[in-house]
C-alpha atoms as a PDB file:
ATOM      1  CA  UNK A   1       3.001  12.468 -15.522  1.00  0.00           C
ATOM      2  CA  UNK A   2       0.599  13.066 -18.243  1.00  0.00           C
ATOM      3  CA  UNK A   3       0.040   9.240 -18.927  1.00  0.00           C
ATOM      4  CA  UNK A   4      -0.792   8.776 -15.317  1.00  0.00           C
ATOM      5  CA  UNK A   5      -3.307  11.426 -15.476  1.00  0.00           C
ATOM      6  CA  UNK A   6      -4.746  10.055 -18.609  1.00  0.00           C
ATOM      7  CA  UNK A   7      -5.065   6.604 -16.912  1.00  0.00           C
ATOM      8  CA  UNK A   8      -6.827   8.073 -13.916  1.00  0.00           C
ATOM      9  CA  UNK A   9      -9.268   9.948 -16.037  1.00  0.00           C
ATOM     10  CA  UNK A  10     -10.088   6.716 -17.831  1.00  0.00           C
ATOM     11  CA  UNK A  11     -10.657   4.738 -14.684  1.00  0.00           C
ATOM     12  CA  UNK A  12     -12.895   7.713 -13.476  1.00  0.00           C
ATOM     13  CA  UNK A  13     -14.974   7.508 -16.772  1.00  0.00           C
ATOM     14  CA  UNK A  14     -15.356   3.939 -16.365  1.00  0.00           C
ATOM     15  CA  UNK A  15     -16.459   4.228 -12.724  1.00  0.00           C
ATOM     16  CA  UNK A  16     -18.977   6.887 -13.819  1.00  0.00           C
ATOM     17  CA  UNK A  17     -20.222   4.614 -16.535  1.00  0.00           C
ATOM     18  CA  UNK A  18     -20.645   1.744 -14.005  1.00  0.00           C
ATOM     19  CA  UNK A  19     -22.670   4.044 -11.714  1.00  0.00           C
ATOM     20  CA  UNK A  20     -24.831   4.937 -14.643  1.00  0.00           C
ATOM     21  CA  UNK A  21     -25.408   1.310 -15.333  1.00  0.00           C
ATOM     22  CA  UNK A  22     -26.303   0.547 -11.676  1.00  0.00           C
ATOM     23  CA  UNK A  23     -28.879   3.619 -11.869  1.00  0.00           C
ATOM     24  CA  UNK A  24     -30.859   2.181 -14.553  1.00  0.00           C
ATOM     25  CA  UNK A  25     -34.422   1.457 -13.164  1.00  0.00           C
ATOM     26  CA  UNK A  26     -33.440   2.994  -9.928  1.00  0.00           C
ATOM     27  CA  UNK A  27     -34.862   6.550  -9.438  1.00  0.00           C
ATOM     28  CA  UNK A  28     -33.293   7.166  -6.068  1.00  0.00           C
ATOM     29  CA  UNK A  29     -29.883   6.374  -7.413  1.00  0.00           C
ATOM     30  CA  UNK A  30     -30.578   8.375 -10.573  1.00  0.00           C
ATOM     31  CA  UNK A  31     -31.624  11.531  -8.603  1.00  0.00           C
ATOM     32  CA  UNK A  32     -28.564  11.095  -6.175  1.00  0.00           C
ATOM     33  CA  UNK A  33     -26.184  10.879  -9.315  1.00  0.00           C
ATOM     34  CA  UNK A  34     -27.903  13.908 -11.042  1.00  0.00           C
ATOM     35  CA  UNK A  35     -27.697  16.075  -7.802  1.00  0.00           C
ATOM     36  CA  UNK A  36     -24.068  15.067  -7.236  1.00  0.00           C
ATOM     37  CA  UNK A  37     -23.042  15.990 -10.792  1.00  0.00           C
ATOM     38  CA  UNK A  38     -25.046  19.318 -10.419  1.00  0.00           C
ATOM     39  CA  UNK A  39     -23.185  20.074  -7.213  1.00  0.00           C
ATOM     40  CA  UNK A  40     -19.745  19.321  -8.906  1.00  0.00           C
ATOM     41  CA  UNK A  41     -20.706  21.365 -12.030  1.00  0.00           C
ATOM     42  CA  UNK A  42     -20.573  18.297 -14.337  1.00  0.00           C
ATOM     43  CA  UNK A  43     -22.831  17.623 -17.276  1.00  0.00           C
ATOM     44  CA  UNK A  44     -25.757  15.192 -16.890  1.00  0.00           C
ATOM     45  CA  UNK A  45     -24.790  11.937 -18.635  1.00  0.00           C
ATOM     46  CA  UNK A  46     -28.554  10.867 -18.438  1.00  0.00           C
ATOM     47  CA  UNK A  47     -30.849  13.559 -19.876  1.00  0.00           C
ATOM     48  CA  UNK A  48     -33.167  14.820 -17.227  1.00  0.00           C
ATOM     49  CA  UNK A  49     -36.255  13.920 -19.196  1.00  0.00           C
ATOM     50  CA  UNK A  50     -35.172  10.227 -18.997  1.00  0.00           C
ATOM     51  CA  UNK A  51     -34.706  10.295 -15.194  1.00  0.00           C
ATOM     52  CA  UNK A  52     -37.480   8.155 -13.660  1.00  0.00           C
ATOM     53  CA  UNK A  53     -39.709  10.387 -11.439  1.00  0.00           C
ATOM     54  CA  UNK A  54     -42.136   7.647 -10.448  1.00  0.00           C
ATOM     55  CA  UNK A  55     -41.253   4.294  -8.773  1.00  0.00           C
ATOM     56  CA  UNK A  56     -41.656   1.239 -10.842  1.00  0.00           C
ATOM     57  CA  UNK A  57     -44.706  -0.787 -10.228  1.00  0.00           C
ATOM     58  CA  UNK A  58     -43.684  -4.359  -9.058  1.00  0.00           C
ATOM     59  CA  UNK A  59     -46.425  -6.773 -10.170  1.00  0.00           C
END
């Protein structure tokens, strides 16, 4: 039973890491992840000062 829970936690950690990678350069997704983590009482994996507050300029 404990091994199954450990495996599930590893999968969740991997998924969370994937979402963090997907959020790089996407301020909308960064804010959504930060809000969801706050609602769930989770710690922020991306420090608040690193969240992009302005959209990137596309030249």
